[in-house]
C-alpha atoms as a PDB file:
ATOM      1  CA  PHE A   1      -8.605 -14.497 -13.467  1.00  0.00           C
ATOM      2  CA  GLU A   2      -5.004 -13.489 -12.593  1.00  0.00           C
ATOM      3  CA  GLU A   3      -4.455 -16.519 -10.380  1.00  0.00           C
ATOM      4  CA  ARG A   4      -6.450 -19.276 -12.046  1.00  0.00           C
ATOM      5  CA  ILE A   5      -6.940 -18.611 -15.742  1.00  0.00           C
ATOM      6  CA  ALA A   6      -4.126 -16.321 -16.951  1.00  0.00           C
ATOM      7  CA  PRO A   7      -1.224 -18.534 -15.767  1.00  0.00           C
ATOM      8  CA  ARG A   8      -2.354 -21.301 -18.126  1.00  0.00           C
ATOM      9  CA  PHE A   9      -1.754 -18.982 -21.074  1.00  0.00           C
ATOM     10  CA  TYR A  10       1.547 -17.512 -19.857  1.00  0.00           C
ATOM     11  CA  ARG A  11       3.427 -20.404 -18.186  1.00  0.00           C
ATOM     12  CA  ASP A  12       5.679 -20.845 -21.234  1.00  0.00           C
ATOM     13  CA  SER A  13       6.366 -17.110 -21.590  1.00  0.00           C
ATOM     14  CA  ALA A  14       9.253 -15.156 -20.128  1.00  0.00           C
ATOM     15  CA  ILE A  15       7.919 -13.261 -17.099  1.00  0.00           C
ATOM     16  CA  VAL A  16       9.312 -10.204 -15.332  1.00  0.00           C
ATOM     17  CA  THR A  17       8.211  -9.446 -11.790  1.00  0.00           C
ATOM     18  CA  LEU A  18       9.200  -6.798  -9.260  1.00  0.00           C
ATOM     19  CA  SER A  19      10.465  -8.797  -6.289  1.00  0.00           C
ATOM     20  CA  ASN A  20      12.077 -12.086  -5.282  1.00  0.00           C
ATOM     21  CA  SER A  21       9.105 -12.915  -3.075  1.00  0.00           C
ATOM     22  CA  SER A  22       6.721 -12.373  -6.001  1.00  0.00           C
ATOM     23  CA  ARG A  23       8.943 -14.591  -8.142  1.00  0.00           C
ATOM     24  CA  ASP A  24       8.741 -17.298  -5.487  1.00  0.00           C
ATOM     25  CA  GLU A  25       4.924 -17.066  -5.517  1.00  0.00           C
ATOM     26  CA  LEU A  26       4.788 -17.295  -9.309  1.00  0.00           C
ATOM     27  CA  VAL A  27       6.883 -20.451  -9.201  1.00  0.00           C
ATOM     28  CA  SER A  28       5.438 -22.215  -6.146  1.00  0.00           C
ATOM     29  CA  GLU A  29       1.774 -21.171  -6.312  1.00  0.00           C
ATOM     30  CA  MET A  30       1.159 -20.676 -10.019  1.00  0.00           C
ATOM     31  CA  GLY A  31       3.522 -23.225 -11.512  1.00  0.00           C
ATOM     32  CA  PHE A  32       5.753 -20.949 -13.585  1.00  0.00           C
ATOM     33  CA  ASP A  33       9.152 -22.271 -14.681  1.00  0.00           C
ATOM     34  CA  PRO A  34      11.748 -20.614 -12.398  1.00  0.00           C
ATOM     35  CA  ASP A  35      14.144 -20.230 -15.339  1.00  0.00           C
ATOM     36  CA  ARG A  36      11.562 -18.102 -17.156  1.00  0.00           C
ATOM     37  CA  VAL A  37      10.846 -15.644 -14.310  1.00  0.00           C
ATOM     38  CA  SER A  38      13.188 -12.662 -13.901  1.00  0.00           C
ATOM     39  CA  VAL A  39      13.191 -10.030 -11.168  1.00  0.00           C
ATOM     40  CA  VAL A  40      13.624  -6.331 -11.942  1.00  0.00           C
ATOM     41  CA  PRO A  41      13.067  -4.264  -8.779  1.00  0.00           C
ATOM     42  CA  PRO A  42      11.475  -0.863  -9.377  1.00  0.00           C
ATOM     43  CA  GLY A  43      13.237   2.381  -8.704  1.00  0.00           C
ATOM     44  CA  VAL A  44      11.732   5.392  -7.030  1.00  0.00           C
ATOM     45  CA  ASP A  45      11.479   8.867  -8.501  1.00  0.00           C
ATOM     46  CA  GLN A  46      14.006  11.271  -6.959  1.00  0.00           C
ATOM     47  CA  HIS A  47      11.069  13.605  -6.274  1.00  0.00           C
ATOM     48  CA  PHE A  48      10.405  11.418  -3.232  1.00  0.00           C
ATOM     49  CA  SER A  49      12.925  12.656  -0.686  1.00  0.00           C
ATOM     50  CA  PRO A  50      13.082  13.683   2.986  1.00  0.00           C
ATOM     51  CA  GLY A  51      11.999  17.144   4.054  1.00  0.00           C
ATOM     52  CA  GLY A  52       9.338  19.113   5.854  1.00  0.00           C
ATOM     53  CA  GLU A  53       8.026  18.376   9.324  1.00  0.00           C
ATOM     54  CA  ARG A  54       5.843  15.671  10.821  1.00  0.00           C
ATOM     55  CA  THR A  55       2.291  16.502  11.829  1.00  0.00           C
ATOM     56  CA  PRO A  56       1.884  17.304  15.537  1.00  0.00           C
ATOM     57  CA  GLU A  57      -0.549  14.387  15.988  1.00  0.00           C
ATOM     58  CA  PRO A  58       0.328  10.770  15.089  1.00  0.00           C
ATOM     59  CA  THR A  59      -0.684  10.473  11.443  1.00  0.00           C
ATOM     60  CA  VAL A  60      -0.879   7.346   9.316  1.00  0.00           C
ATOM     61  CA  LEU A  61      -0.928   7.592   5.522  1.00  0.00           C
ATOM     62  CA  ALA A  62      -2.374   5.028   3.122  1.00  0.00           C
ATOM     63  CA  VAL A  63      -1.946   5.505  -0.629  1.00  0.00           C
ATOM     64  CA  GLY A  64      -3.417   3.375  -3.392  1.00  0.00           C
ATOM     65  CA  ARG A  65      -6.377   2.267  -5.418  1.00  0.00           C
ATOM     66  CA  LEU A  66      -9.537   1.692  -3.420  1.00  0.00           C
ATOM     67  CA  VAL A  67     -10.102  -1.882  -4.581  1.00  0.00           C
ATOM     68  CA  PRO A  68     -10.558  -5.159  -2.667  1.00  0.00           C
ATOM     69  CA  VAL A  69      -6.932  -6.352  -2.968  1.00  0.00           C
ATOM     70  CA  LYS A  70      -5.747  -3.258  -1.056  1.00  0.00           C
ATOM     71  CA  ASP A  71      -8.092  -4.120   1.869  1.00  0.00           C
ATOM     72  CA  VAL A  72      -8.478  -0.512   3.007  1.00  0.00           C
ATOM     73  CA  PRO A  73     -11.556  -1.406   5.119  1.00  0.00           C
ATOM     74  CA  ARG A  74      -9.261  -3.474   7.351  1.00  0.00           C
ATOM     75  CA  LEU A  75      -7.020  -0.428   7.837  1.00  0.00           C
ATOM     76  CA  VAL A  76     -10.053   1.712   8.704  1.00  0.00           C
ATOM     77  CA  ARG A  77     -11.189  -0.808  11.336  1.00  0.00           C
ATOM     78  CA  LEU A  78      -7.656  -1.058  12.741  1.00  0.00           C
ATOM     79  CA  MET A  79      -7.459   2.718  13.006  1.00  0.00           C
ATOM     80  CA  ALA A  80     -10.649   2.742  15.072  1.00  0.00           C
ATOM     81  CA  GLN A  81      -8.898   0.346  17.474  1.00  0.00           C
ATOM     82  CA  VAL A  82      -5.750   2.488  17.509  1.00  0.00           C
ATOM     83  CA  ARG A  83      -7.867   5.513  18.481  1.00  0.00           C
ATOM     84  CA  GLU A  84      -8.953   3.729  21.643  1.00  0.00           C
ATOM     85  CA  ARG A  85      -5.325   3.812  22.811  1.00  0.00           C
ATOM     86  CA  VAL A  86      -4.044   6.883  20.958  1.00  0.00           C
ATOM     87  CA  PRO A  87      -6.939   9.376  20.913  1.00  0.00           C
ATOM     88  CA  THR A  88      -5.085  11.915  18.754  1.00  0.00           C
ATOM     89  CA  ALA A  89      -4.142   9.466  15.967  1.00  0.00           C
ATOM     90  CA  ARG A  90      -5.319  10.259  12.436  1.00  0.00           C
ATOM     91  CA  LEU A  91      -5.512   8.372   9.138  1.00  0.00           C
ATOM     92  CA  ARG A  92      -5.272   9.962   5.697  1.00  0.00           C
ATOM     93  CA  ILE A  93      -6.277   7.802   2.726  1.00  0.00           C
ATOM     94  CA  VAL A  94      -5.092   8.975  -0.704  1.00  0.00           C
ATOM     95  CA  GLY A  95      -6.462   7.302  -3.809  1.00  0.00           C
ATOM     96  CA  ASP A  96      -9.669   6.454  -5.570  1.00  0.00           C
ATOM     97  CA  GLY A  97     -11.517   3.408  -6.814  1.00  0.00           C
ATOM     98  CA  TYR A  98     -14.820   1.624  -6.930  1.00  0.00           C
ATOM     99  CA  GLU A  99     -14.731   0.768  -3.197  1.00  0.00           C
ATOM    100  CA  ARG A 100     -14.727   4.444  -2.200  1.00  0.00           C
ATOM    101  CA  GLU A 101     -18.393   4.511  -1.157  1.00  0.00           C
ATOM    102  CA  ARG A 102     -18.067   1.289   0.842  1.00  0.00           C
ATOM    103  CA  ILE A 103     -15.045   2.689   2.686  1.00  0.00           C
ATOM    104  CA  ASN A 104     -16.757   6.022   3.270  1.00  0.00           C
ATOM    105  CA  SER A 105     -19.791   4.197   4.698  1.00  0.00           C
ATOM    106  CA  LEU A 106     -17.564   2.181   7.021  1.00  0.00           C
ATOM    107  CA  ILE A 107     -15.893   5.375   8.236  1.00  0.00           C
ATOM    108  CA  GLY A 108     -19.368   6.741   8.972  1.00  0.00           C
ATOM    109  CA  ASP A 109     -20.479   3.532  10.708  1.00  0.00           C
ATOM    110  CA  LEU A 110     -17.437   3.823  12.977  1.00  0.00           C
ATOM    111  CA  ASP A 111     -18.153   7.533  13.576  1.00  0.00           C
ATOM    112  CA  ALA A 112     -14.599   8.167  12.392  1.00  0.00           C
ATOM    113  CA  HIS A 113     -14.942  11.052   9.904  1.00  0.00           C
ATOM    114  CA  ASP A 114     -13.273  13.383  12.399  1.00  0.00           C
ATOM    115  CA  TYR A 115     -10.006  11.404  12.326  1.00  0.00           C
ATOM    116  CA  ILE A 116     -10.079   9.452   9.035  1.00  0.00           C
ATOM    117  CA  SER A 117      -9.851  11.503   5.843  1.00  0.00           C
ATOM    118  CA  LEU A 118     -10.725   9.961   2.486  1.00  0.00           C
ATOM    119  CA  LEU A 119      -8.843  12.386   0.236  1.00  0.00           C
ATOM    120  CA  GLY A 120      -9.209  10.918  -3.255  1.00  0.00           C
ATOM    121  CA  ARG A 121      -6.571  11.698  -5.861  1.00  0.00           C
ATOM    122  CA  VAL A 122      -4.009  14.387  -5.050  1.00  0.00           C
ATOM    123  CA  ASP A 123      -1.293  16.044  -7.128  1.00  0.00           C
ATOM    124  CA  ASP A 124       2.357  15.008  -6.856  1.00  0.00           C
ATOM    125  CA  ASP A 125       3.391  17.876  -4.574  1.00  0.00           C
ATOM    126  CA  GLU A 126       0.543  17.222  -2.154  1.00  0.00           C
ATOM    127  CA  LEU A 127       1.360  13.503  -2.106  1.00  0.00           C
ATOM    128  CA  LEU A 128       5.008  14.317  -1.354  1.00  0.00           C
ATOM    129  CA  ASP A 129       3.912  16.538   1.538  1.00  0.00           C
ATOM    130  CA  PHE A 130       1.675  13.763   2.900  1.00  0.00           C
ATOM    131  CA  TYR A 131       4.540  11.243   2.774  1.00  0.00           C
ATOM    132  CA  ARG A 132       6.913  13.651   4.493  1.00  0.00           C
ATOM    133  CA  SER A 133       4.522  14.817   7.199  1.00  0.00           C
ATOM    134  CA  SER A 134       3.043  11.447   8.171  1.00  0.00           C
ATOM    135  CA  TRP A 135       4.423   9.411  11.049  1.00  0.00           C
ATOM    136  CA  THR A 136       4.051   6.163   9.121  1.00  0.00           C
ATOM    137  CA  VAL A 137       2.825   4.758   5.812  1.00  0.00           C
ATOM    138  CA  ALA A 138       0.452   1.798   6.133  1.00  0.00           C
ATOM    139  CA  SER A 139      -0.589  -0.863   3.665  1.00  0.00           C
ATOM    140  CA  THR A 140      -3.036  -3.666   4.418  1.00  0.00           C
ATOM    141  CA  SER A 141      -2.917  -5.156   0.913  1.00  0.00           C
ATOM    142  CA  ILE A 142      -3.507  -8.869   0.615  1.00  0.00           C
ATOM    143  CA  ARG A 143      -1.314  -9.197  -2.501  1.00  0.00           C
ATOM    144  CA  GLU A 144       1.367  -6.973  -4.027  1.00  0.00           C
ATOM    145  CA  GLY A 145       4.120  -7.466  -6.581  1.00  0.00           C
ATOM    146  CA  TRP A 146       5.973  -4.680  -4.817  1.00  0.00           C
ATOM    147  CA  GLY A 147       4.861  -2.174  -2.194  1.00  0.00           C
ATOM    148  CA  MET A 148       5.565   1.023  -4.134  1.00  0.00           C
ATOM    149  CA  THR A 149       3.913   3.249  -1.522  1.00  0.00           C
ATOM    150  CA  VAL A 150       6.170   1.666   1.092  1.00  0.00           C
ATOM    151  CA  THR A 151       9.206   2.510  -1.076  1.00  0.00           C
ATOM    152  CA  GLU A 152       8.048   6.073  -1.750  1.00  0.00           C
ATOM    153  CA  GLY A 153       7.441   6.636   1.967  1.00  0.00           C
ATOM    154  CA  ALA A 154      10.883   5.257   2.819  1.00  0.00           C
ATOM    155  CA  ALA A 155      12.472   7.594   0.269  1.00  0.00           C
ATOM    156  CA  CYS A 156      10.801  10.452   2.182  1.00  0.00           C
ATOM    157  CA  GLY A 157      12.144   9.156   5.494  1.00  0.00           C
ATOM    158  CA  THR A 158       8.785   7.770   6.636  1.00  0.00           C
ATOM    159  CA  PRO A 159       8.662   4.230   8.080  1.00  0.00           C
ATOM    160  CA  CYS A 160       5.961   1.737   7.188  1.00  0.00           C
ATOM    161  CA  VAL A 161       3.575  -0.717   8.753  1.00  0.00           C
ATOM    162  CA  ALA A 162       2.493  -3.302   6.199  1.00  0.00           C
ATOM    163  CA  THR A 163       1.010  -6.747   5.855  1.00  0.00           C
ATOM    164  CA  ARG A 164       3.538  -9.567   5.706  1.00  0.00           C
ATOM    165  CA  ILE A 165       3.043 -10.558   2.067  1.00  0.00           C
ATOM    166  CA  ALA A 166       5.213 -11.081  -1.001  1.00  0.00           C
ATOM    167  CA  GLY A 167       6.128  -7.719  -2.405  1.00  0.00           C
ATOM    168  CA  HIS A 168       5.924  -5.915   0.913  1.00  0.00           C
ATOM    169  CA  SER A 169       8.587  -8.173   2.381  1.00  0.00           C
ATOM    170  CA  ASP A 170      11.014  -7.004  -0.323  1.00  0.00           C
ATOM    171  CA  ALA A 171       9.924  -3.357  -0.419  1.00  0.00           C
ATOM    172  CA  ALA A 172      10.094  -2.894   3.346  1.00  0.00           C
ATOM    173  CA  ILE A 173      13.687  -4.084   3.742  1.00  0.00           C
END
């Protein structure tokens, strides 16, 4: 709907997007008039800041809705491969959504419940602690307007590993 039907109704409207790369996609892939698309990059809450200590074991953090566009199953499968080379590596997944059961089943199929935690929603202080204590933030999204979790992690001093897509390419700079 977002890619095929909605643009027909909004092509003549002024559009605001979060990143230059997303603007480029709106123009080149969806046919929006470049003069009608403005970029307003998001800020990050000052709550997200460096502090605390990293976990003793290599820990990857993923934060977001558990929906197909975030492609969390790909991250779960990649983590199983990482464990073959880094046996102490861990993955924490924060967020909820209708793909939760599918992801939980995949974790079980990979016998990975001992190193992949599906944490659901957490409060702001717990999320801040996860950002600060993780070794990296990961996002395997297939489409983003902006990678807010990448930005929040960076504000906490945590580097990211993310798919090379519009949105991420601006957020990860």
